[in-house]
Every structure is written in structure tokens, then in C-alpha cells.
Amino acid sequence: MSNTEFCKVEREGKLTIVTMNRPEVMNSLHPPANFELAKIFDDFASDPEQWVAIITGAGDRAFSAGNDLKYQAAGNPVTIPPSGFAGLTARYDLNKPVIAAVNGLAMGGGFEIALACDIIVAAETAIFALPEPRVGLAALAGGLHRLPREIGTKRALGMILTGRRVSAAEGLTLGFVNEISKPGEAVNAAKKIAAQILECSPMSVRASKEAVYRGLMEPHLKAATENQRTYEGIRAMFTSADLIEGPMAFAQKRPPQWKGR
């Protein structure tokens, strides 16, 4: 495990676990923490030995309360790395899967971090909200755009325009939460999902993630289906060693030994 100033990073085999470590301020993030997280996810993206990431918050009260408003109110300069809040919300080229293990409050930017992940696991005690209008702001780190795409325009506006809080159970019903865990077990539940992902070819996983997100930007299903073979991840999958290993392992009735290349 490596400790940076505002985060903890653990690596378990092919899995990277990132913990936002500012529990005294509900894991809210200020510019130094954001730039630290950006570097952490830069390293994860470029490391060929790291295939899946989990992000969570220290303690059991909060995943992240979002932007550190007290830091901002004190007159400190507010800057965001090019990859966005927590180094994730504007990181559109990351083809490796990231799981949010939401262990408590995910408010404002904290919810936007979770929405920027591919899978959300939430403890029963987790609470989600985009309360920015209540403090004269707006959820401009992707929340205003990701949430409608996840749950539909009317339901998203019902949350956004009121700033109301949503439980993990309601998040599951609305569709932005994948799975609910017992309190204190969000990371373990996320690890189980990560283990299932790691059973698959990382080349196939990356190709699939890219095709899903890019396909959603295509004008219609026909275009998405026709254009997917031009995507970088799909092309890399078809020229990878894993494309040979998968069928060979199946024929030999053994677990595949993925190379990720």
C-alpha cells in the first residue's frame, strides 16, 4: 500500500484500490487532492499490470461530500486537472473498468465521481444527491449529463432541480446503483465484481467498454453496429494474444492465462 497526502493506493494483483483519505472533511476534495487523484489514475491507466480499479472513501460516513466548499470559501484558488474532478469526471479515454464502492454520503461532486465510474456498489447506508442548486452552484462535473443518460430525463430532473437525497435502495430502483451491500462491506462487494471482471480477457473488457460508450454517441443502432469495428479497442482485441488464448483454453478445458495484449 502507498500513502499519498490525501489518498491511499493499494494493489492486489491486477486490482488497484484507491481510497480518498480526508475523513475529517467527509472526503471532500480540494485542488491538491484532485491533482493527486489525477496522477493516481494516470498511473493506473498506463500500467499494463493493472486491469481494474475501485475507488472509495475513508471511514464509514462518506464516499465523498464533493467539492471542499470551506477551502473555496477561504479564498483559495480553485483549479481542476484536465481529467476532471477526482481525476475521473473528464477522463473519457480510460478503457479500463472503474468501480465505485460508495460507503456513505456521495454528495455533489462525490456523486459525480461515482457516476463517472462504470459500476456503482453502494452500502445500505449510502446517500446520493446533486445539491449544488441549494448553494448557488450546478453539477458541472458531468452530473447534469450522466444522470439523465443513466435514469432518464424526468427522473434525473426530479433529483437535480430539487437537490433531494436518494437512498441506495432508491438508486438501485432508479438504475444508477448496480448492487447494494451491508454497511461497511461496499469495498468487499466491489472486489467480488472486480474478481469476476478479472476472469475475463482484459482486451475484451476494454473493447466492450469502449464500444458501449462510443456506441451511445452514435446517431442510431445501425451506425453503432457498423462503426464498432473501427474502434481502437475492438481492433486491438482482434490482434491480441488473448484472442488465441481464449478459444485454446476452452478447447483444453483449463482456465485462460490472459496477457492483456
Protein backbone atom coordinates (compact mmCIF):
# COMPACT_ATOMS: atom_id res chain seq x y z
CA MET A 1 0.00 0.00 0.00
CA SER A 2 1.24 3.50 -0.83
CA ASN A 3 0.08 6.60 1.02
CA THR A 4 0.00 9.90 -0.76
CA GLU A 5 -1.03 13.02 1.14
CA PHE A 6 -4.76 12.82 0.53
CA CYS A 7 -5.31 9.26 -0.77
CA LYS A 8 -4.31 5.66 -0.16
CA VAL A 9 -3.48 3.31 -3.00
CA GLU A 10 -3.41 -0.47 -2.67
CA ARG A 11 -2.67 -3.04 -5.36
CA GLU A 12 -3.94 -6.59 -5.09
CA GLY A 13 -2.72 -8.44 -8.14
CA LYS A 14 -4.31 -6.76 -11.16
CA LEU A 15 -6.62 -4.66 -8.98
CA THR A 16 -5.94 -1.08 -7.85
CA ILE A 17 -7.91 0.22 -4.84
CA VAL A 18 -7.96 3.99 -4.37
CA THR A 19 -9.24 5.47 -1.12
CA MET A 20 -9.98 9.18 -0.83
CA ASN A 21 -8.50 9.87 2.58
CA ARG A 22 -9.85 13.11 4.02
CA PRO A 23 -12.40 11.72 6.52
CA GLU A 24 -12.18 14.84 8.68
CA VAL A 25 -13.96 16.76 5.86
CA MET A 26 -16.16 13.88 4.67
CA ASN A 27 -13.62 13.08 1.95
CA SER A 28 -14.44 16.32 0.16
CA LEU A 29 -11.81 17.26 -2.39
CA HIS A 30 -9.78 20.42 -2.87
CA PRO A 31 -7.38 21.10 -5.76
CA PRO A 32 -4.36 19.34 -4.18
CA ALA A 33 -6.46 16.17 -3.68
CA ASN A 34 -7.88 16.39 -7.20
CA PHE A 35 -4.44 16.65 -8.77
CA GLU A 36 -3.19 13.81 -6.60
CA LEU A 37 -6.06 11.61 -7.79
CA ALA A 38 -5.40 12.63 -11.39
CA LYS A 39 -1.82 11.35 -11.06
CA ILE A 40 -3.04 8.12 -9.44
CA PHE A 41 -5.44 7.41 -12.31
CA ASP A 42 -2.82 8.43 -14.87
CA ASP A 43 -0.59 5.73 -13.37
CA PHE A 44 -3.43 3.20 -13.35
CA ALA A 45 -4.29 3.92 -16.99
CA SER A 46 -0.71 3.49 -18.15
CA ASP A 47 0.22 0.44 -16.04
CA PRO A 48 -0.13 -2.73 -18.14
CA GLU A 49 -0.25 -4.84 -14.97
CA GLN A 50 -3.30 -3.04 -13.51
CA TRP A 51 -6.60 -4.01 -15.13
CA VAL A 52 -9.43 -2.90 -12.80
CA ALA A 53 -9.77 -0.11 -10.22
CA ILE A 54 -12.02 0.54 -7.23
CA ILE A 55 -12.46 3.99 -5.73
CA THR A 56 -13.92 4.52 -2.26
CA GLY A 57 -13.77 6.91 0.70
CA ALA A 58 -12.07 6.55 4.07
CA GLY A 59 -14.30 5.80 7.05
CA ASP A 60 -17.95 4.84 7.02
CA ARG A 61 -19.60 8.28 6.89
CA ALA A 62 -18.81 9.44 3.39
CA PHE A 63 -17.68 8.31 -0.02
CA SER A 64 -17.12 11.98 -0.82
CA ALA A 65 -19.02 15.13 0.06
CA GLY A 66 -17.81 16.62 -3.22
CA ASN A 67 -16.03 19.92 -3.60
CA ASP A 68 -14.42 21.28 -0.43
CA LEU A 69 -16.56 24.42 -0.12
CA LYS A 70 -14.77 25.65 3.02
CA TYR A 71 -11.46 25.58 1.14
CA GLN A 72 -13.10 27.54 -1.68
CA ALA A 73 -14.83 29.98 0.68
CA ALA A 74 -11.49 30.77 2.30
CA GLY A 75 -10.44 32.40 -0.96
CA ASN A 76 -8.12 29.65 -2.14
CA PRO A 77 -7.75 29.26 -5.92
CA VAL A 78 -9.94 26.52 -7.34
CA THR A 79 -8.36 24.59 -10.20
CA ILE A 80 -9.28 21.23 -11.69
CA PRO A 81 -6.96 18.85 -13.57
CA PRO A 82 -7.71 18.21 -17.26
CA SER A 83 -9.05 14.76 -16.31
CA GLY A 84 -11.70 16.40 -14.14
CA PHE A 85 -12.88 16.17 -10.54
CA ALA A 86 -11.01 13.37 -8.74
CA GLY A 87 -9.09 12.87 -11.98
CA LEU A 88 -12.08 10.91 -13.30
CA THR A 89 -15.06 13.03 -14.35
CA ALA A 90 -13.42 14.22 -17.60
CA ARG A 91 -11.30 11.12 -18.24
CA TYR A 92 -13.19 9.99 -21.32
CA ASP A 93 -10.41 7.83 -22.80
CA LEU A 94 -10.00 5.35 -19.92
CA ASN A 95 -10.83 1.91 -21.29
CA LYS A 96 -10.13 0.02 -18.05
CA PRO A 97 -13.15 -0.52 -15.76
CA VAL A 98 -13.53 1.51 -12.57
CA ILE A 99 -15.93 0.52 -9.76
CA ALA A 100 -17.24 3.00 -7.18
CA ALA A 101 -17.61 1.49 -3.70
CA VAL A 102 -19.91 4.06 -2.09
CA ASN A 103 -19.68 3.63 1.66
CA GLY A 104 -21.67 6.68 2.81
CA LEU A 105 -22.61 10.11 1.54
CA ALA A 106 -21.97 10.77 -2.16
CA MET A 107 -22.94 14.40 -2.48
CA GLY A 108 -22.44 16.78 -5.40
CA GLY A 109 -19.01 16.10 -6.84
CA GLY A 110 -18.89 12.88 -4.83
CA PHE A 111 -21.94 11.61 -6.71
CA GLU A 112 -20.36 12.83 -9.95
CA ILE A 113 -17.26 10.73 -9.21
CA ALA A 114 -19.46 7.66 -8.76
CA LEU A 115 -21.39 8.42 -11.96
CA ALA A 116 -18.07 8.66 -13.83
CA CYS A 117 -17.34 5.06 -12.82
CA ASP A 118 -18.61 2.07 -14.79
CA ILE A 119 -20.24 0.23 -11.87
CA ILE A 120 -21.58 1.55 -8.56
CA VAL A 121 -21.75 -0.63 -5.44
CA ALA A 122 -23.46 1.11 -2.54
CA ALA A 123 -23.71 0.28 1.14
CA GLU A 124 -27.26 0.25 2.53
CA THR A 125 -26.39 3.49 4.31
CA ALA A 126 -25.21 5.32 1.17
CA ILE A 127 -26.93 8.56 0.21
CA PHE A 128 -26.72 10.26 -3.20
CA ALA A 129 -27.57 13.82 -4.22
CA LEU A 130 -26.67 16.67 -6.54
CA PRO A 131 -27.42 19.51 -4.09
CA GLU A 132 -25.50 22.23 -5.93
CA PRO A 133 -28.58 24.44 -6.59
CA ARG A 134 -29.01 24.72 -2.81
CA VAL A 135 -25.67 26.57 -2.59
CA GLY A 136 -25.98 28.56 -5.81
CA LEU A 137 -23.98 26.16 -7.98
CA ALA A 138 -24.64 23.49 -10.60
CA ALA A 139 -23.30 19.94 -11.05
CA LEU A 140 -20.93 20.79 -13.89
CA ALA A 141 -18.52 17.86 -13.44
CA GLY A 142 -20.71 15.61 -15.57
CA GLY A 143 -23.62 15.07 -13.21
CA LEU A 144 -26.09 17.12 -15.27
CA HIS A 145 -25.34 14.93 -18.27
CA ARG A 146 -24.52 11.50 -16.90
CA LEU A 147 -27.52 11.20 -14.59
CA PRO A 148 -30.15 11.77 -17.34
CA ARG A 149 -28.37 9.24 -19.52
CA GLU A 150 -28.44 6.74 -16.64
CA ILE A 151 -32.02 7.11 -15.38
CA GLY A 152 -33.91 9.23 -17.93
CA THR A 153 -34.54 12.96 -18.16
CA LYS A 154 -37.62 13.33 -15.96
CA ARG A 155 -36.30 11.24 -13.08
CA ALA A 156 -32.92 12.96 -13.28
CA LEU A 157 -34.50 16.42 -13.23
CA GLY A 158 -36.54 15.35 -10.24
CA MET A 159 -33.26 14.91 -8.39
CA ILE A 160 -31.31 17.77 -9.96
CA LEU A 161 -33.84 20.58 -9.63
CA THR A 162 -34.68 19.78 -6.01
CA GLY A 163 -31.26 18.65 -4.78
CA ARG A 164 -33.05 15.90 -2.88
CA ARG A 165 -31.25 12.97 -1.28
CA VAL A 166 -31.69 9.46 -2.65
CA SER A 167 -31.04 6.27 -0.71
CA ALA A 168 -29.06 3.32 -2.02
CA ALA A 169 -32.32 1.36 -2.34
CA GLU A 170 -33.90 4.07 -4.47
CA GLY A 171 -30.69 4.34 -6.50
CA LEU A 172 -30.99 0.64 -7.27
CA THR A 173 -34.61 1.12 -8.35
CA LEU A 174 -33.74 4.16 -10.47
CA GLY A 175 -30.90 2.21 -12.09
CA PHE A 176 -27.68 4.04 -11.26
CA VAL A 177 -26.72 1.62 -8.46
CA ASN A 178 -25.69 -1.88 -9.56
CA GLU A 179 -25.61 -3.63 -6.19
CA ILE A 180 -26.26 -2.92 -2.51
CA SER A 181 -24.05 -4.24 0.27
CA LYS A 182 -24.30 -4.30 4.03
CA PRO A 183 -22.78 -1.31 5.86
CA GLY A 184 -19.00 -1.49 5.80
CA GLU A 185 -18.98 -4.09 3.03
CA ALA A 186 -19.07 -1.92 -0.10
CA VAL A 187 -15.38 -2.46 -0.92
CA ASN A 188 -15.63 -6.23 -0.41
CA ALA A 189 -18.69 -6.34 -2.66
CA ALA A 190 -16.80 -4.29 -5.25
CA LYS A 191 -13.87 -6.69 -5.02
CA LYS A 192 -16.16 -9.60 -5.85
CA ILE A 193 -17.31 -7.82 -9.00
CA ALA A 194 -13.71 -6.93 -9.84
CA ALA A 195 -12.76 -10.60 -9.46
CA GLN A 196 -15.44 -11.55 -11.99
CA ILE A 197 -14.14 -8.93 -14.42
CA LEU A 198 -10.59 -10.22 -13.94
CA GLU A 199 -11.75 -13.68 -15.03
CA CYS A 200 -12.42 -12.18 -18.46
CA SER A 201 -9.93 -11.11 -21.10
CA PRO A 202 -8.85 -7.53 -20.36
CA MET A 203 -8.71 -6.92 -24.10
CA SER A 204 -12.35 -7.98 -24.42
CA VAL A 205 -13.35 -5.93 -21.38
CA ARG A 206 -11.68 -2.79 -22.71
CA ALA A 207 -13.10 -3.30 -26.19
CA SER A 208 -16.58 -3.80 -24.74
CA LYS A 209 -16.38 -0.71 -22.53
CA GLU A 210 -15.22 1.45 -25.43
CA ALA A 211 -17.93 0.09 -27.74
CA VAL A 212 -20.69 0.76 -25.19
CA TYR A 213 -19.71 4.38 -24.53
CA ARG A 214 -18.85 5.28 -28.10
CA GLY A 215 -21.91 3.45 -29.38
CA LEU A 216 -24.13 5.62 -27.18
CA MET A 217 -22.79 8.65 -29.06
CA GLU A 218 -23.61 7.18 -32.48
CA PRO A 219 -26.80 8.55 -34.12
CA HIS A 220 -28.55 5.16 -34.24
CA LEU A 221 -28.07 1.43 -33.62
CA LYS A 222 -27.15 0.67 -37.24
CA ALA A 223 -24.29 3.19 -37.13
CA ALA A 224 -23.06 1.87 -33.80
CA THR A 225 -23.03 -1.71 -35.08
CA GLU A 226 -21.33 -0.80 -38.33
CA ASN A 227 -18.74 1.53 -36.83
CA GLN A 228 -17.68 -0.56 -33.83
CA ARG A 229 -15.02 -2.44 -35.79
CA THR A 230 -13.23 0.87 -36.36
CA TYR A 231 -12.88 1.48 -32.61
CA GLU A 232 -9.33 1.19 -31.31
CA GLY A 233 -10.22 -1.28 -28.55
CA ILE A 234 -12.08 -3.60 -30.91
CA ARG A 235 -9.19 -3.58 -33.38
CA ALA A 236 -6.70 -4.25 -30.56
CA MET A 237 -8.80 -7.18 -29.32
CA PHE A 238 -8.78 -8.83 -32.77
CA THR A 239 -4.97 -8.63 -33.00
CA SER A 240 -4.24 -9.68 -29.41
CA ALA A 241 -2.71 -12.82 -27.97
CA ASP A 242 -5.84 -13.15 -25.82
CA LEU A 243 -7.91 -13.80 -28.95
CA ILE A 244 -5.91 -17.03 -29.40
CA GLU A 245 -5.68 -17.90 -25.71
CA GLY A 246 -9.42 -17.79 -25.03
CA PRO A 247 -10.53 -20.46 -27.54
CA MET A 248 -7.40 -22.53 -26.82
CA ALA A 249 -8.09 -22.58 -23.08
CA PHE A 250 -11.72 -23.50 -23.76
CA ALA A 251 -10.66 -26.38 -26.02
CA GLN A 252 -8.12 -27.60 -23.47
CA LYS A 253 -10.62 -27.26 -20.60
CA ARG A 254 -8.38 -25.04 -18.49
CA PRO A 255 -8.58 -21.50 -17.14
CA PRO A 256 -7.25 -18.97 -19.64
CA GLN A 257 -3.97 -17.18 -18.93
CA TRP A 258 -4.74 -13.71 -20.16
CA LYS A 259 -1.90 -11.49 -21.30
CA GLY A 260 -3.77 -8.24 -21.74
CA ARG A 261 -2.08 -7.64 -25.06
